[in-house]
N, C-alpha and C. Protein backbone atom coordinates (compact mmCIF):
# COMPACT_ATOMS: atom_id res chain seq x y z
N MET A 1 21.91 -24.92 39.30
CA MET A 1 20.88 -24.96 38.28
C MET A 1 19.53 -25.04 38.97
N PRO A 2 18.55 -24.30 38.49
CA PRO A 2 17.23 -24.30 39.13
C PRO A 2 16.55 -25.67 39.04
N THR A 3 15.89 -26.05 40.10
CA THR A 3 15.18 -27.33 40.14
C THR A 3 13.76 -27.14 39.60
N PRO A 4 13.09 -28.25 39.26
CA PRO A 4 11.71 -28.14 38.79
C PRO A 4 10.79 -27.46 39.80
N VAL A 5 11.03 -27.62 41.08
CA VAL A 5 10.19 -27.00 42.10
C VAL A 5 10.28 -25.47 42.00
N SER A 6 11.49 -24.95 41.82
CA SER A 6 11.65 -23.49 41.70
C SER A 6 11.04 -22.98 40.40
N HIS A 7 11.23 -23.71 39.31
CA HIS A 7 10.61 -23.31 38.04
C HIS A 7 9.10 -23.24 38.20
N ALA A 8 8.51 -24.25 38.85
CA ALA A 8 7.06 -24.28 39.04
C ALA A 8 6.60 -23.12 39.92
N ALA A 9 7.35 -22.82 40.96
CA ALA A 9 6.97 -21.72 41.86
C ALA A 9 6.97 -20.39 41.10
N VAL A 10 7.93 -20.18 40.23
CA VAL A 10 7.99 -18.94 39.45
C VAL A 10 6.81 -18.88 38.47
N GLY A 11 6.52 -19.99 37.79
CA GLY A 11 5.38 -20.02 36.88
C GLY A 11 4.07 -19.76 37.59
N PHE A 12 3.90 -20.34 38.76
CA PHE A 12 2.71 -20.14 39.57
C PHE A 12 2.57 -18.66 39.94
N ALA A 13 3.67 -18.05 40.38
CA ALA A 13 3.65 -16.63 40.78
C ALA A 13 3.34 -15.72 39.59
N ILE A 14 3.91 -16.03 38.44
CA ILE A 14 3.64 -15.22 37.24
C ILE A 14 2.14 -15.24 36.93
N ALA A 15 1.54 -16.42 36.94
CA ALA A 15 0.11 -16.52 36.65
C ALA A 15 -0.72 -15.83 37.72
N ALA A 16 -0.30 -15.94 38.96
CA ALA A 16 -1.06 -15.30 40.05
C ALA A 16 -1.12 -13.79 39.87
N TRP A 17 -0.04 -13.19 39.39
CA TRP A 17 -0.02 -11.74 39.23
C TRP A 17 -0.59 -11.26 37.91
N THR A 18 -0.72 -12.12 36.92
CA THR A 18 -1.23 -11.67 35.63
C THR A 18 -2.73 -11.89 35.48
N GLN A 19 -3.35 -12.55 36.43
CA GLN A 19 -4.79 -12.80 36.36
C GLN A 19 -5.55 -11.75 37.15
N GLN A 20 -6.84 -11.65 36.86
CA GLN A 20 -7.67 -10.73 37.62
C GLN A 20 -7.81 -11.27 39.04
N ARG A 21 -8.13 -10.37 39.94
CA ARG A 21 -8.24 -10.74 41.35
C ARG A 21 -9.61 -11.34 41.62
N PRO A 22 -9.71 -12.37 42.37
CA PRO A 22 -8.60 -13.21 42.81
C PRO A 22 -8.16 -14.13 41.68
N PRO A 23 -6.88 -14.49 41.64
CA PRO A 23 -6.41 -15.36 40.57
C PRO A 23 -7.00 -16.77 40.73
N THR A 24 -7.14 -17.47 39.64
CA THR A 24 -7.66 -18.83 39.71
C THR A 24 -6.51 -19.81 39.87
N ARG A 25 -6.70 -20.77 40.73
CA ARG A 25 -5.65 -21.77 40.97
C ARG A 25 -5.40 -22.61 39.73
N ARG A 26 -6.43 -22.83 38.95
CA ARG A 26 -6.27 -23.64 37.75
C ARG A 26 -5.26 -23.01 36.79
N VAL A 27 -5.39 -21.72 36.54
CA VAL A 27 -4.44 -21.03 35.67
C VAL A 27 -3.05 -21.10 36.28
N CYS A 28 -2.95 -20.90 37.59
CA CYS A 28 -1.65 -20.92 38.26
C CYS A 28 -1.00 -22.30 38.17
N LEU A 29 -1.78 -23.35 38.32
CA LEU A 29 -1.22 -24.70 38.24
C LEU A 29 -0.78 -25.05 36.82
N VAL A 30 -1.55 -24.66 35.83
CA VAL A 30 -1.14 -24.91 34.44
C VAL A 30 0.11 -24.09 34.11
N ALA A 31 0.19 -22.87 34.61
CA ALA A 31 1.39 -22.06 34.39
C ALA A 31 2.60 -22.70 35.06
N ALA A 32 2.42 -23.26 36.24
CA ALA A 32 3.52 -23.97 36.91
C ALA A 32 4.00 -25.13 36.04
N GLY A 33 3.05 -25.85 35.45
CA GLY A 33 3.42 -26.94 34.54
C GLY A 33 4.15 -26.45 33.31
N CYS A 34 3.70 -25.34 32.75
CA CYS A 34 4.37 -24.75 31.59
C CYS A 34 5.79 -24.31 31.93
N ALA A 35 5.98 -23.84 33.15
CA ALA A 35 7.32 -23.40 33.56
C ALA A 35 8.29 -24.56 33.74
N VAL A 36 7.78 -25.73 34.03
CA VAL A 36 8.62 -26.91 34.21
C VAL A 36 8.82 -27.64 32.87
N LEU A 37 7.88 -27.54 31.98
CA LEU A 37 7.86 -28.29 30.72
C LEU A 37 9.15 -28.25 29.90
N PRO A 38 9.86 -27.12 29.79
CA PRO A 38 11.06 -27.13 28.95
C PRO A 38 12.12 -28.16 29.33
N ASP A 39 12.10 -28.66 30.55
CA ASP A 39 13.09 -29.66 30.93
C ASP A 39 12.78 -31.06 30.40
N ILE A 40 11.75 -31.20 29.57
CA ILE A 40 11.52 -32.51 28.97
C ILE A 40 12.69 -32.92 28.08
N ASP A 41 13.49 -31.96 27.64
CA ASP A 41 14.65 -32.31 26.82
C ASP A 41 15.76 -32.96 27.65
N PHE A 42 15.63 -32.95 28.94
CA PHE A 42 16.63 -33.57 29.81
C PHE A 42 16.48 -35.08 29.84
N PHE A 43 15.30 -35.59 29.54
CA PHE A 43 14.99 -37.00 29.70
C PHE A 43 15.11 -37.80 28.41
N GLY A 44 16.31 -37.89 27.89
CA GLY A 44 16.60 -38.78 26.79
C GLY A 44 16.26 -38.29 25.40
N TRP A 45 15.94 -37.03 25.25
CA TRP A 45 15.70 -36.53 23.91
C TRP A 45 17.01 -36.47 23.15
N PRO A 46 16.97 -36.69 21.84
CA PRO A 46 18.22 -36.65 21.06
C PRO A 46 18.66 -35.23 20.71
N VAL A 47 18.29 -34.27 21.53
CA VAL A 47 18.69 -32.89 21.31
C VAL A 47 19.42 -32.40 22.55
N ALA A 48 20.17 -31.35 22.40
CA ALA A 48 20.94 -30.81 23.51
C ALA A 48 20.04 -30.18 24.55
N HIS A 49 20.41 -30.38 25.81
CA HIS A 49 19.65 -29.77 26.91
C HIS A 49 19.79 -28.25 26.83
N ARG A 50 18.72 -27.57 27.17
CA ARG A 50 18.62 -26.10 27.12
C ARG A 50 18.68 -25.58 25.68
N GLY A 51 18.17 -26.37 24.75
CA GLY A 51 18.12 -25.97 23.36
C GLY A 51 16.70 -25.61 22.96
N LEU A 52 16.12 -26.37 22.05
CA LEU A 52 14.81 -26.06 21.47
C LEU A 52 13.72 -25.87 22.52
N THR A 53 13.66 -26.74 23.52
CA THR A 53 12.57 -26.62 24.50
C THR A 53 12.72 -25.44 25.44
N HIS A 54 13.85 -24.76 25.39
CA HIS A 54 14.07 -23.57 26.21
C HIS A 54 13.95 -22.28 25.38
N SER A 55 13.49 -22.42 24.15
CA SER A 55 13.46 -21.29 23.22
C SER A 55 12.14 -20.51 23.30
N LEU A 56 12.18 -19.34 22.72
CA LEU A 56 10.99 -18.50 22.62
C LEU A 56 9.92 -19.21 21.78
N ALA A 57 10.34 -19.87 20.70
CA ALA A 57 9.39 -20.59 19.84
C ALA A 57 8.65 -21.68 20.62
N PHE A 58 9.38 -22.42 21.46
CA PHE A 58 8.76 -23.47 22.25
C PHE A 58 7.80 -22.88 23.28
N ALA A 59 8.17 -21.77 23.91
CA ALA A 59 7.31 -21.13 24.90
C ALA A 59 5.98 -20.73 24.27
N ILE A 60 6.03 -20.18 23.07
CA ILE A 60 4.81 -19.77 22.37
C ILE A 60 3.96 -20.99 22.03
N ALA A 61 4.60 -22.03 21.50
CA ALA A 61 3.87 -23.25 21.13
C ALA A 61 3.28 -23.93 22.37
N ALA A 62 4.04 -23.99 23.45
CA ALA A 62 3.54 -24.63 24.68
C ALA A 62 2.37 -23.85 25.26
N ALA A 63 2.45 -22.52 25.24
CA ALA A 63 1.36 -21.70 25.76
C ALA A 63 0.10 -21.87 24.91
N ALA A 64 0.27 -21.90 23.60
CA ALA A 64 -0.89 -22.09 22.71
C ALA A 64 -1.53 -23.45 22.95
N ALA A 65 -0.70 -24.49 23.05
CA ALA A 65 -1.23 -25.84 23.27
C ALA A 65 -1.92 -25.95 24.63
N ALA A 66 -1.30 -25.43 25.66
CA ALA A 66 -1.89 -25.51 27.00
C ALA A 66 -3.20 -24.71 27.07
N THR A 67 -3.23 -23.57 26.43
CA THR A 67 -4.47 -22.77 26.41
C THR A 67 -5.58 -23.54 25.70
N PHE A 68 -5.25 -24.15 24.58
CA PHE A 68 -6.24 -24.92 23.82
C PHE A 68 -6.73 -26.12 24.63
N ILE A 69 -5.81 -26.83 25.28
CA ILE A 69 -6.17 -28.05 26.00
C ILE A 69 -6.93 -27.76 27.29
N PHE A 70 -6.46 -26.79 28.08
CA PHE A 70 -7.01 -26.58 29.42
C PHE A 70 -8.05 -25.47 29.53
N PHE A 71 -8.12 -24.61 28.52
CA PHE A 71 -9.03 -23.45 28.63
C PHE A 71 -9.85 -23.29 27.36
N ARG A 72 -10.53 -24.34 26.99
CA ARG A 72 -11.38 -24.29 25.80
C ARG A 72 -12.61 -23.44 26.07
N GLY A 73 -13.09 -22.87 25.02
CA GLY A 73 -14.30 -22.06 25.13
C GLY A 73 -14.89 -21.88 23.75
N PRO A 74 -16.12 -21.37 23.70
CA PRO A 74 -16.78 -21.22 22.40
C PRO A 74 -16.13 -20.17 21.51
N GLN A 75 -15.45 -19.21 22.10
CA GLN A 75 -14.83 -18.16 21.30
C GLN A 75 -13.60 -17.61 22.00
N TRP A 76 -12.79 -16.93 21.23
CA TRP A 76 -11.60 -16.30 21.81
C TRP A 76 -12.05 -15.09 22.62
N SER A 77 -11.48 -14.92 23.77
CA SER A 77 -11.86 -13.80 24.63
C SER A 77 -10.61 -13.12 25.17
N ARG A 78 -10.81 -11.96 25.73
CA ARG A 78 -9.68 -11.25 26.36
C ARG A 78 -9.12 -12.07 27.51
N GLN A 79 -10.00 -12.72 28.26
CA GLN A 79 -9.55 -13.52 29.39
C GLN A 79 -8.69 -14.68 28.93
N ARG A 80 -9.10 -15.36 27.87
CA ARG A 80 -8.29 -16.47 27.36
C ARG A 80 -6.99 -15.96 26.77
N ALA A 81 -6.99 -14.79 26.15
CA ALA A 81 -5.76 -14.20 25.64
C ALA A 81 -4.81 -13.89 26.80
N ARG A 82 -5.36 -13.38 27.89
CA ARG A 82 -4.54 -13.09 29.08
C ARG A 82 -3.94 -14.38 29.64
N VAL A 83 -4.73 -15.45 29.66
CA VAL A 83 -4.24 -16.74 30.13
C VAL A 83 -3.11 -17.23 29.22
N ALA A 84 -3.29 -17.13 27.91
CA ALA A 84 -2.26 -17.58 26.96
C ALA A 84 -0.95 -16.82 27.16
N VAL A 85 -1.04 -15.52 27.36
CA VAL A 85 0.17 -14.72 27.60
C VAL A 85 0.83 -15.14 28.91
N ALA A 86 0.04 -15.34 29.96
CA ALA A 86 0.60 -15.76 31.24
C ALA A 86 1.31 -17.10 31.11
N LEU A 87 0.71 -18.04 30.38
CA LEU A 87 1.32 -19.35 30.19
C LEU A 87 2.61 -19.24 29.38
N GLY A 88 2.61 -18.36 28.38
CA GLY A 88 3.82 -18.15 27.58
C GLY A 88 4.95 -17.55 28.39
N VAL A 89 4.63 -16.56 29.21
CA VAL A 89 5.65 -15.94 30.06
C VAL A 89 6.17 -16.97 31.08
N ALA A 90 5.26 -17.79 31.61
CA ALA A 90 5.69 -18.83 32.56
C ALA A 90 6.64 -19.82 31.88
N ALA A 91 6.31 -20.24 30.67
CA ALA A 91 7.20 -21.17 29.95
C ALA A 91 8.54 -20.51 29.64
N LEU A 92 8.51 -19.25 29.25
CA LEU A 92 9.75 -18.53 28.93
C LEU A 92 10.59 -18.28 30.18
N SER A 93 9.94 -18.17 31.33
CA SER A 93 10.69 -17.94 32.57
C SER A 93 11.69 -19.05 32.85
N HIS A 94 11.39 -20.24 32.36
CA HIS A 94 12.30 -21.38 32.57
C HIS A 94 13.68 -21.09 31.99
N GLY A 95 13.69 -20.66 30.74
CA GLY A 95 14.97 -20.35 30.10
C GLY A 95 15.68 -19.19 30.78
N PHE A 96 14.90 -18.20 31.23
CA PHE A 96 15.51 -17.05 31.92
C PHE A 96 16.17 -17.48 33.22
N LEU A 97 15.49 -18.34 33.98
CA LEU A 97 16.12 -18.83 35.22
C LEU A 97 17.37 -19.63 34.92
N ASP A 98 17.31 -20.46 33.89
CA ASP A 98 18.49 -21.25 33.53
C ASP A 98 19.64 -20.36 33.07
N ALA A 99 19.33 -19.23 32.45
CA ALA A 99 20.38 -18.31 32.00
C ALA A 99 21.01 -17.57 33.17
N LEU A 100 20.42 -17.68 34.34
CA LEU A 100 20.99 -17.08 35.55
C LEU A 100 21.93 -18.03 36.27
N SER A 101 22.15 -19.22 35.69
CA SER A 101 23.04 -20.19 36.32
C SER A 101 24.32 -20.37 35.52
N THR A 102 25.31 -20.91 36.18
CA THR A 102 26.60 -21.15 35.53
C THR A 102 26.67 -22.55 34.95
N TYR A 103 25.61 -23.31 35.11
CA TYR A 103 25.57 -24.69 34.62
C TYR A 103 25.36 -24.71 33.11
N SER A 104 26.09 -25.50 32.41
CA SER A 104 26.02 -25.75 30.97
C SER A 104 26.57 -24.60 30.14
N TYR A 105 26.34 -24.68 28.84
CA TYR A 105 26.87 -23.70 27.90
C TYR A 105 25.95 -22.51 27.67
N GLY A 106 24.84 -22.46 28.35
CA GLY A 106 23.89 -21.39 28.17
C GLY A 106 22.58 -21.91 27.61
N VAL A 107 21.70 -20.98 27.27
CA VAL A 107 20.35 -21.31 26.83
C VAL A 107 20.16 -20.88 25.38
N GLY A 108 19.56 -21.75 24.58
CA GLY A 108 19.28 -21.44 23.17
C GLY A 108 17.94 -20.75 23.02
N PHE A 109 17.88 -19.47 23.33
CA PHE A 109 16.61 -18.74 23.28
C PHE A 109 16.01 -18.68 21.87
N PHE A 110 16.85 -18.72 20.84
CA PHE A 110 16.34 -18.53 19.47
C PHE A 110 16.45 -19.78 18.60
N VAL A 111 16.66 -20.94 19.22
CA VAL A 111 16.64 -22.21 18.50
C VAL A 111 15.21 -22.38 17.98
N PRO A 112 14.95 -22.81 16.79
CA PRO A 112 15.81 -23.39 15.77
C PRO A 112 16.42 -22.38 14.79
N PHE A 113 16.19 -21.09 15.01
CA PHE A 113 16.66 -20.09 14.07
C PHE A 113 18.13 -19.73 14.27
N SER A 114 18.64 -19.96 15.47
CA SER A 114 20.04 -19.70 15.78
C SER A 114 20.48 -20.70 16.84
N GLN A 115 21.69 -21.20 16.71
CA GLN A 115 22.22 -22.14 17.68
C GLN A 115 23.00 -21.43 18.80
N GLN A 116 23.03 -20.11 18.77
CA GLN A 116 23.74 -19.32 19.77
C GLN A 116 23.18 -19.61 21.16
N ARG A 117 24.05 -19.76 22.14
CA ARG A 117 23.64 -19.98 23.53
C ARG A 117 23.91 -18.71 24.33
N TYR A 118 23.04 -18.43 25.28
CA TYR A 118 23.14 -17.21 26.07
C TYR A 118 23.14 -17.53 27.56
N ARG A 119 23.89 -16.74 28.28
CA ARG A 119 23.89 -16.75 29.74
C ARG A 119 23.91 -15.29 30.17
N PHE A 120 23.12 -14.95 31.17
CA PHE A 120 23.09 -13.57 31.63
C PHE A 120 24.40 -13.21 32.32
N PRO A 121 24.78 -11.93 32.29
CA PRO A 121 26.03 -11.52 32.95
C PRO A 121 26.02 -11.80 34.46
N TRP A 122 24.86 -11.70 35.08
CA TRP A 122 24.73 -11.99 36.50
C TRP A 122 24.23 -13.42 36.64
N THR A 123 25.00 -14.29 37.26
CA THR A 123 24.63 -15.70 37.39
C THR A 123 24.64 -16.11 38.86
N PRO A 124 23.59 -15.76 39.58
CA PRO A 124 23.56 -16.06 41.02
C PRO A 124 23.17 -17.50 41.36
N LEU A 125 22.80 -18.28 40.35
CA LEU A 125 22.28 -19.62 40.63
C LEU A 125 23.29 -20.71 40.32
N GLY A 126 23.90 -21.19 41.33
CA GLY A 126 24.69 -22.40 41.22
C GLY A 126 26.08 -22.27 40.66
N ASN A 127 26.95 -22.92 41.32
CA ASN A 127 28.32 -23.09 40.88
C ASN A 127 28.50 -24.59 40.72
N PRO A 128 28.81 -25.08 39.51
CA PRO A 128 28.90 -26.53 39.30
C PRO A 128 29.90 -27.23 40.22
N THR A 129 30.84 -26.51 40.76
CA THR A 129 31.82 -27.14 41.65
C THR A 129 31.40 -27.06 43.11
N GLY A 130 30.32 -26.33 43.41
CA GLY A 130 29.84 -26.19 44.79
C GLY A 130 29.07 -27.41 45.23
N SER A 131 28.77 -27.47 46.53
CA SER A 131 28.02 -28.60 47.06
C SER A 131 26.55 -28.49 46.66
N LEU A 132 25.90 -29.63 46.59
CA LEU A 132 24.48 -29.65 46.24
C LEU A 132 23.65 -28.91 47.29
N ALA A 133 23.97 -29.11 48.55
CA ALA A 133 23.23 -28.44 49.62
C ALA A 133 23.38 -26.93 49.51
N GLY A 134 24.57 -26.47 49.22
CA GLY A 134 24.80 -25.04 49.06
C GLY A 134 24.04 -24.46 47.89
N GLN A 135 23.98 -25.22 46.79
CA GLN A 135 23.24 -24.77 45.61
C GLN A 135 21.74 -24.71 45.90
N LEU A 136 21.23 -25.68 46.65
CA LEU A 136 19.80 -25.68 46.97
C LEU A 136 19.43 -24.53 47.90
N VAL A 137 20.29 -24.22 48.86
CA VAL A 137 20.04 -23.08 49.74
C VAL A 137 20.07 -21.79 48.94
N GLN A 138 21.06 -21.67 48.07
CA GLN A 138 21.19 -20.48 47.21
C GLN A 138 19.94 -20.32 46.35
N GLU A 139 19.48 -21.40 45.74
CA GLU A 139 18.28 -21.35 44.91
C GLU A 139 17.04 -21.01 45.72
N ALA A 140 16.94 -21.54 46.92
CA ALA A 140 15.79 -21.25 47.78
C ALA A 140 15.74 -19.76 48.10
N LEU A 141 16.88 -19.17 48.38
CA LEU A 141 16.92 -17.75 48.75
C LEU A 141 16.71 -16.82 47.56
N VAL A 142 17.24 -17.18 46.40
CA VAL A 142 17.20 -16.30 45.24
C VAL A 142 15.92 -16.48 44.41
N VAL A 143 15.37 -17.71 44.36
CA VAL A 143 14.25 -17.99 43.47
C VAL A 143 12.99 -18.46 44.20
N PHE A 144 13.10 -19.58 44.90
CA PHE A 144 11.92 -20.24 45.44
C PHE A 144 11.16 -19.39 46.46
N LEU A 145 11.83 -18.95 47.51
CA LEU A 145 11.13 -18.17 48.55
C LEU A 145 10.55 -16.86 48.02
N PRO A 146 11.28 -16.09 47.20
CA PRO A 146 10.65 -14.89 46.63
C PRO A 146 9.43 -15.22 45.77
N ALA A 147 9.49 -16.30 44.99
CA ALA A 147 8.34 -16.67 44.14
C ALA A 147 7.15 -17.07 44.99
N VAL A 148 7.37 -17.84 46.03
CA VAL A 148 6.27 -18.25 46.91
C VAL A 148 5.68 -17.03 47.60
N LEU A 149 6.52 -16.13 48.05
CA LEU A 149 6.03 -14.90 48.70
C LEU A 149 5.19 -14.06 47.73
N LEU A 150 5.68 -13.89 46.50
CA LEU A 150 4.92 -13.12 45.51
C LEU A 150 3.59 -13.78 45.17
N ALA A 151 3.58 -15.10 45.04
CA ALA A 151 2.32 -15.80 44.75
C ALA A 151 1.34 -15.63 45.92
N TRP A 152 1.83 -15.76 47.13
CA TRP A 152 0.98 -15.58 48.31
C TRP A 152 0.39 -14.17 48.34
N LEU A 153 1.24 -13.18 48.05
CA LEU A 153 0.76 -11.79 48.04
C LEU A 153 -0.30 -11.57 46.95
N ALA A 154 -0.15 -12.25 45.81
CA ALA A 154 -1.14 -12.11 44.73
C ALA A 154 -2.50 -12.63 45.18
N PHE A 155 -2.51 -13.72 45.94
CA PHE A 155 -3.78 -14.26 46.42
C PHE A 155 -4.37 -13.43 47.55
N ARG A 156 -3.54 -12.68 48.25
CA ARG A 156 -4.00 -11.83 49.34
C ARG A 156 -4.41 -10.44 48.87
N ALA A 157 -4.00 -10.06 47.67
CA ALA A 157 -4.30 -8.72 47.15
C ALA A 157 -5.81 -8.55 46.98
N PRO A 158 -6.32 -7.35 47.21
CA PRO A 158 -7.76 -7.13 47.05
C PRO A 158 -8.20 -7.28 45.59
N ALA A 159 -9.47 -7.61 45.43
CA ALA A 159 -10.03 -7.77 44.09
C ALA A 159 -10.02 -6.44 43.36
N ARG A 160 -9.73 -6.48 42.07
CA ARG A 160 -9.75 -5.27 41.25
C ARG A 160 -11.18 -4.92 40.88
N SER A 161 -11.48 -3.66 40.83
CA SER A 161 -12.82 -3.27 40.39
C SER A 161 -12.86 -3.23 38.87
N ALA A 162 -14.01 -3.53 38.32
CA ALA A 162 -14.15 -3.61 36.87
C ALA A 162 -14.21 -2.33 36.21
């Protein structure tokens, strides 16, 4: 199962590539937080893990709230819309990564409208019977290192002309 560090790295990389060059660290850090946020259901909530907080509805609500809280401005702009979309994709990436694992019954992408759980046909992340060290190495190779490399490349990419 993906760890919060890998979720954050993916969210950071998503924001780095969706922003204008050079990307702002603030947007990337908030996106990293949005990517980790769905796991709040793991800490004693009376709902099933990988349910509502891993859904498309939650990703949209989290992105809207984070945009409002961290990126206030006098008016709606294209830049703020781009930030909101990046934050939403970062939040949604959490459920997608979880659907790549064999841990649990799957992810409730459409909760509260459907209780159906989904897992992708390809599940390269984690075998619940495997060792923790093996799972962490597997996750580092499949998720964390590629995300860090992509984020680094986004910051190294030349500025786009207007």
